[in-house]
Protein backbone atom coordinates (compact mmCIF):
# COMPACT_ATOMS: atom_id res chain seq x y z
CA UNK A 1 4.13 12.97 245.14
CA UNK A 2 5.15 14.64 248.42
CA UNK A 3 8.75 15.28 249.52
CA UNK A 4 10.58 12.61 251.44
CA UNK A 5 9.34 12.70 255.07
CA UNK A 6 12.66 11.30 256.38
CA UNK A 7 14.60 14.40 255.29
CA UNK A 8 13.95 17.92 256.61
CA UNK A 9 15.50 21.23 255.68
CA UNK A 10 14.10 22.91 258.78
CA UNK A 11 16.14 21.44 261.56
CA UNK A 12 16.27 24.18 264.23
CA UNK A 13 19.76 23.20 265.42
CA UNK A 14 21.16 23.41 261.85
CA UNK A 15 19.43 26.75 261.28
CA UNK A 16 20.88 28.14 264.52
CA UNK A 17 24.35 26.85 263.61
CA UNK A 18 24.06 28.41 260.14
CA UNK A 19 23.01 31.75 261.61
CA UNK A 20 25.87 31.74 264.14
CA UNK A 21 28.40 30.97 261.44
CA UNK A 22 27.12 33.95 259.42
CA UNK A 23 27.40 36.26 262.45
CA UNK A 24 30.95 35.06 263.04
CA UNK A 25 31.84 35.65 259.38
CA UNK A 26 30.37 39.19 259.52
CA UNK A 27 32.41 39.96 262.62
CA UNK A 28 35.59 38.66 260.94
CA UNK A 29 35.24 40.12 257.43
CA UNK A 30 32.88 43.01 258.08
CA UNK A 31 33.27 46.58 259.27
CA UNK A 32 32.17 48.32 262.46
CA UNK A 33 29.58 50.89 261.38
CA UNK A 34 26.97 53.00 263.18
CA UNK A 35 23.25 52.58 262.56
CA UNK A 36 21.26 55.81 262.95
CA UNK A 37 17.43 55.42 263.23
CA UNK A 38 15.60 58.35 261.73
CA UNK A 39 13.21 60.18 264.09
CA UNK A 40 9.98 61.68 262.73
CA UNK A 41 9.81 65.31 263.84
CA UNK A 42 7.00 66.77 261.73
CA UNK A 43 5.23 64.42 259.28
CA UNK A 44 3.54 65.90 256.25
CA UNK A 45 0.42 63.73 256.18
CA UNK A 46 -0.52 64.83 252.69
CA UNK A 47 2.66 63.78 250.92
CA UNK A 48 3.78 61.39 253.76
CA UNK A 49 7.10 63.21 253.95
CA UNK A 50 9.22 64.12 256.95
CA UNK A 51 11.08 67.32 256.08
CA UNK A 52 12.73 68.10 259.49
CA UNK A 53 14.40 64.84 260.61
CA UNK A 54 16.42 64.11 263.72
CA UNK A 55 19.04 61.49 264.54
CA UNK A 56 19.61 61.13 268.29
CA UNK A 57 21.13 57.66 268.55
CA UNK A 58 23.96 55.79 266.85
CA UNK A 59 24.33 52.05 267.42
CA UNK A 60 27.68 50.37 266.69
CA UNK A 61 27.21 47.09 264.86
CA UNK A 62 29.14 44.98 262.35
CA UNK A 63 28.16 44.89 258.69
CA UNK A 64 29.76 43.40 255.61
CA UNK A 65 30.30 45.66 252.58
CA UNK A 66 29.14 43.65 249.56
CA UNK A 67 31.01 45.96 247.11
CA UNK A 68 34.36 44.30 247.07
CA UNK A 69 35.93 46.47 244.30
CA UNK A 70 34.75 49.88 245.41
CA UNK A 71 31.47 51.75 245.75
CA UNK A 72 28.80 51.20 243.12
CA UNK A 73 26.66 53.82 241.54
CA UNK A 74 27.54 56.53 239.01
CA UNK A 75 30.51 57.79 241.01
CA UNK A 76 31.64 61.36 240.42
CA UNK A 77 29.58 63.31 237.92
CA UNK A 78 31.07 66.55 236.59
CA UNK A 79 28.25 68.99 235.82
CA UNK A 80 28.11 72.65 235.01
CA UNK A 81 27.05 73.41 238.56
CA UNK A 82 29.92 71.40 240.15
CA UNK A 83 30.79 67.87 241.08
CA UNK A 84 28.04 65.51 242.26
CA UNK A 85 29.04 62.25 244.02
CA UNK A 86 26.60 59.39 243.56
CA UNK A 87 28.25 56.54 245.43
CA UNK A 88 26.16 53.49 246.37
CA UNK A 89 26.91 50.59 248.66
CA UNK A 90 25.32 47.34 249.77
CA UNK A 91 25.62 46.29 253.46
CA UNK A 92 24.86 42.82 254.78
CA UNK A 93 23.69 42.65 258.39
CA UNK A 94 22.55 39.80 260.62
CA UNK A 95 18.87 39.86 261.56
CA UNK A 96 19.62 38.50 265.03
CA UNK A 97 22.35 41.01 265.72
CA UNK A 98 20.21 43.90 264.48
CA UNK A 99 17.42 43.01 266.89
CA UNK A 100 19.85 42.65 269.81
CA UNK A 101 21.92 45.77 269.18
CA UNK A 102 19.35 48.23 267.67
CA UNK A 103 15.76 47.10 268.11
CA UNK A 104 16.01 46.11 271.79
CA UNK A 105 17.49 49.51 272.71
CA UNK A 106 15.24 51.78 270.62
CA UNK A 107 11.58 51.63 271.51
CA UNK A 108 10.71 54.14 268.82
CA UNK A 109 11.47 51.63 266.06
CA UNK A 110 8.16 49.98 265.35
CA UNK A 111 9.48 47.14 263.17
CA UNK A 112 11.82 44.20 263.60
CA UNK A 113 13.95 45.12 260.65
CA UNK A 114 15.96 48.10 259.28
CA UNK A 115 13.93 50.88 257.70
CA UNK A 116 14.31 52.85 254.54
CA UNK A 117 15.43 56.39 255.39
CA UNK A 118 17.66 55.39 258.29
CA UNK A 119 21.38 56.11 258.01
CA UNK A 120 24.56 54.09 258.17
CA UNK A 121 27.88 55.83 259.10
CA UNK A 122 30.93 54.08 257.66
CA UNK A 123 34.12 55.13 259.57
CA UNK A 124 36.27 53.48 256.89
CA UNK A 125 35.44 56.22 254.40
CA UNK A 126 33.92 58.71 256.83
CA UNK A 127 30.67 58.61 254.88
CA UNK A 128 27.03 58.64 255.71
CA UNK A 129 24.78 56.39 253.66
CA UNK A 130 20.97 56.42 253.50
CA UNK A 131 19.07 53.13 253.26
CA UNK A 132 17.03 53.18 250.05
CA UNK A 133 15.81 49.57 250.07
CA UNK A 134 15.90 46.61 252.45
CA UNK A 135 16.32 43.27 250.69
CA UNK A 136 14.72 40.61 252.95
CA UNK A 137 15.14 37.42 250.93
CA UNK A 138 18.81 37.20 250.08
CA UNK A 139 20.26 34.60 250.28
CA UNK A 140 16.98 32.98 249.25
CA UNK A 141 15.83 30.65 252.07
CA UNK A 142 19.02 28.71 252.71
CA UNK A 143 17.93 25.72 254.89
CA UNK A 144 14.49 27.42 255.04
CA UNK A 145 15.46 30.51 256.97
CA UNK A 146 16.45 34.14 256.35
CA UNK A 147 19.36 35.13 258.66
CA UNK A 148 20.41 38.41 257.01
CA UNK A 149 19.25 41.69 255.52
CA UNK A 150 20.86 43.32 252.52
CA UNK A 151 20.69 47.14 252.71
CA UNK A 152 20.86 48.97 249.39
CA UNK A 153 22.21 52.43 250.26
CA UNK A 154 23.10 55.73 248.59
CA UNK A 155 25.44 58.45 249.79
CA UNK A 156 23.47 60.75 252.12
CA UNK A 157 22.85 64.37 251.20
CA UNK A 158 22.55 66.65 254.18
CA UNK A 159 19.34 68.73 254.24
CA UNK A 160 19.16 70.56 257.57
CA UNK A 161 18.76 67.41 259.69
CA UNK A 162 19.65 67.47 263.38
CA UNK A 163 22.44 65.15 264.62
CA UNK A 164 22.74 64.66 268.38
CA UNK A 165 24.29 61.15 268.58
CA UNK A 166 27.26 62.03 270.88
CA UNK A 167 29.55 60.58 268.22
CA UNK A 168 31.71 63.49 267.20
CA UNK A 169 32.54 62.22 263.69
CA UNK A 170 28.79 62.02 262.95
CA UNK A 171 27.58 65.13 264.68
CA UNK A 172 30.15 67.30 262.83
CA UNK A 173 28.16 66.72 259.67
CA UNK A 174 25.69 69.18 261.08
CA UNK A 175 28.34 71.81 261.78
CA UNK A 176 29.49 71.64 258.16
CA UNK A 177 26.01 72.52 257.01
CA UNK A 178 25.31 75.67 258.97
CA UNK A 179 23.71 78.55 257.13
CA UNK A 180 25.01 81.72 258.75
CA UNK A 181 28.19 83.08 260.31
CA UNK A 182 27.42 86.07 262.59
CA UNK A 183 30.28 88.39 263.61
CA UNK A 184 29.18 89.81 266.94
CA UNK A 185 30.10 93.06 268.56
CA UNK A 186 32.52 92.39 271.40
CA UNK A 187 31.49 95.64 273.16
CA UNK A 188 27.86 94.56 273.62
CA UNK A 189 26.38 92.77 276.65
CA UNK A 190 28.00 89.34 277.21
CA UNK A 191 26.33 86.25 275.81
CA UNK A 192 27.15 82.75 276.82
CA UNK A 193 26.79 80.91 273.52
CA UNK A 194 25.88 77.29 274.10
CA UNK A 195 25.68 74.72 271.35
CA UNK A 196 21.97 73.94 270.91
CA UNK A 197 20.85 77.34 272.16
CA UNK A 198 18.39 79.37 270.05
CA UNK A 199 19.13 82.97 269.03
CA UNK A 200 16.46 85.28 267.66
CA UNK A 201 16.51 88.55 265.75
CA UNK A 202 13.56 90.92 265.47
CA UNK A 203 13.28 92.17 261.88
CA UNK A 204 10.42 94.54 262.55
CA UNK A 205 6.75 94.32 261.69
CA UNK A 206 6.30 91.40 264.04
CA UNK A 207 8.64 89.22 262.03
CA UNK A 208 11.46 87.33 263.71
CA UNK A 209 14.17 84.98 262.44
CA UNK A 210 15.76 82.41 264.68
CA UNK A 211 18.37 79.70 264.50
CA UNK A 212 20.20 77.09 266.48
CA UNK A 213 23.77 77.74 267.68
CA UNK A 214 25.95 75.13 265.90
CA UNK A 215 29.35 76.47 266.93
CA UNK A 216 30.77 79.35 268.98
CA UNK A 217 34.18 80.87 268.34
CA UNK A 218 34.69 82.83 271.56
CA UNK A 219 38.16 84.18 270.59
CA UNK A 220 36.89 85.81 267.39
CA UNK A 221 33.29 86.44 268.64
CA UNK A 222 31.84 84.52 265.73
CA UNK A 223 28.58 82.63 266.03
CA UNK A 224 27.69 79.83 263.60
CA UNK A 225 23.93 79.37 263.27
CA UNK A 226 21.86 76.73 261.48
CA UNK A 227 18.27 75.32 261.31
CA UNK A 228 16.79 78.70 260.44
CA UNK A 229 13.12 79.43 261.24
CA UNK A 230 10.93 82.49 260.69
CA UNK A 231 7.79 83.61 262.48
CA UNK A 232 5.73 84.02 259.30
CA UNK A 233 6.94 80.98 257.43
CA UNK A 234 8.51 83.03 254.61
CA UNK A 235 12.17 83.31 253.82
CA UNK A 236 14.08 85.93 255.87
CA UNK A 237 17.74 86.29 256.74
CA UNK A 238 19.74 87.60 259.61
CA UNK A 239 20.81 91.24 259.06
CA UNK A 240 23.82 93.21 260.25
CA UNK A 241 21.66 96.08 261.45
CA UNK A 242 20.17 94.59 264.55
CA UNK A 243 20.62 92.48 267.63
CA UNK A 244 20.15 88.87 268.56
CA UNK A 245 18.74 87.50 271.80
CA UNK A 246 19.67 84.21 273.44
CA UNK A 247 16.72 82.03 274.48
CA UNK A 248 18.75 80.40 277.19
CA UNK A 249 20.37 83.47 278.89
CA UNK A 250 18.24 86.36 277.46
CA UNK A 251 21.51 88.16 276.71
CA UNK A 252 21.60 90.58 273.82
CA UNK A 253 24.43 91.08 271.30
CA UNK A 254 24.77 93.33 268.28
CA UNK A 255 25.56 91.83 264.89
CA UNK A 256 28.49 93.47 263.07
CA UNK A 257 28.35 91.46 259.85
CA UNK A 258 26.65 88.39 258.31
CA UNK A 259 27.99 85.82 255.93
CA UNK A 260 25.65 83.29 254.36
CA UNK A 261 25.91 79.73 253.22
CA UNK A 262 29.27 78.81 254.76
CA UNK A 263 28.61 75.15 254.09
CA UNK A 264 29.14 75.86 250.38
CA UNK A 265 32.43 77.68 249.92
CA UNK A 266 31.82 78.21 246.24
CA UNK A 267 28.44 79.94 246.61
CA UNK A 268 27.61 83.00 244.42
CA UNK A 269 24.47 84.17 246.19
CA UNK A 270 25.64 87.81 246.23
CA UNK A 271 26.51 87.80 242.55
CA UNK A 272 23.15 86.24 241.55
CA UNK A 273 21.35 88.75 243.77
CA UNK A 274 23.02 91.86 242.37
CA UNK A 275 23.63 91.03 238.67
CA UNK A 276 19.92 91.05 237.52
CA UNK A 277 19.47 94.63 238.86
CA UNK A 278 21.00 95.96 235.61
CA UNK A 279 18.42 94.40 233.27
CA UNK A 280 15.43 93.30 235.36
CA UNK A 281 12.79 95.59 236.86
CA UNK A 282 11.65 94.36 240.26
CA UNK A 283 8.95 97.00 240.74
CA UNK A 284 6.23 94.35 240.31
CA UNK A 285 5.64 91.60 242.88
CA UNK A 286 6.24 89.03 240.16
CA UNK A 287 8.63 90.47 237.56
CA UNK A 288 8.40 87.28 235.49
CA UNK A 289 4.61 87.22 235.24
CA UNK A 290 2.24 88.85 232.74
CA UNK A 291 2.01 92.66 233.06
CA UNK A 292 -1.27 94.14 234.17
């Protein structure tokens, strides 16, 4: 027996009204957040992974936080290596609003829905969340349509991504993750340090190490550098026995001292590097391998 032909759950006017009421509710009870589409910089086609990512745009849009009594997840975990924060959140967003605010203004997005890997910045808690899963069928076909997405998110962990969104609160995430602080010699040739400029140091033997200028403290002649690259693909660090050259101005400055890993104020790199010298022999290429 078929359903009653005199009743329909797919009346377009009712579906439109239902969707408009949801949008209005989101704008009343929701929060203004920023949606950041992830840009593919260099895709690893073997593992289908994008190690160097970039975020150039941030679209302000309203979303409802489904966690009414605080963030979900495991919260704060106290481990022997420090505190790890594993906050999770669920955001509800209108399909119609996402298309109008994000999709129509970003031609690089190839789908009509949010994507896993994109970010959401929540000004309320000054946190960045990464979309882990997009729930497309909740609520489940009310009056035969799907007006919203549910975005299951986890707290974002910075990993050398580039942020150029022109939203200061978001872009400063990158400045907190710089890798080197270079104290420059004030008596050397002048260098106009510009944020985004590339500085390079020649380590000898045809090997160079370069990085992007994240911040420039002119008064103290301190250069903050991140996004480190090397010419041979191996790990190398800036040294305090050479000079750096600006790609933009070709000016040269001498490095007085180098401090590493300023993004982690509790780092012990120096201690871990020097302590094994008393009981490990590093004459071999691989001191932990089998002797020959």
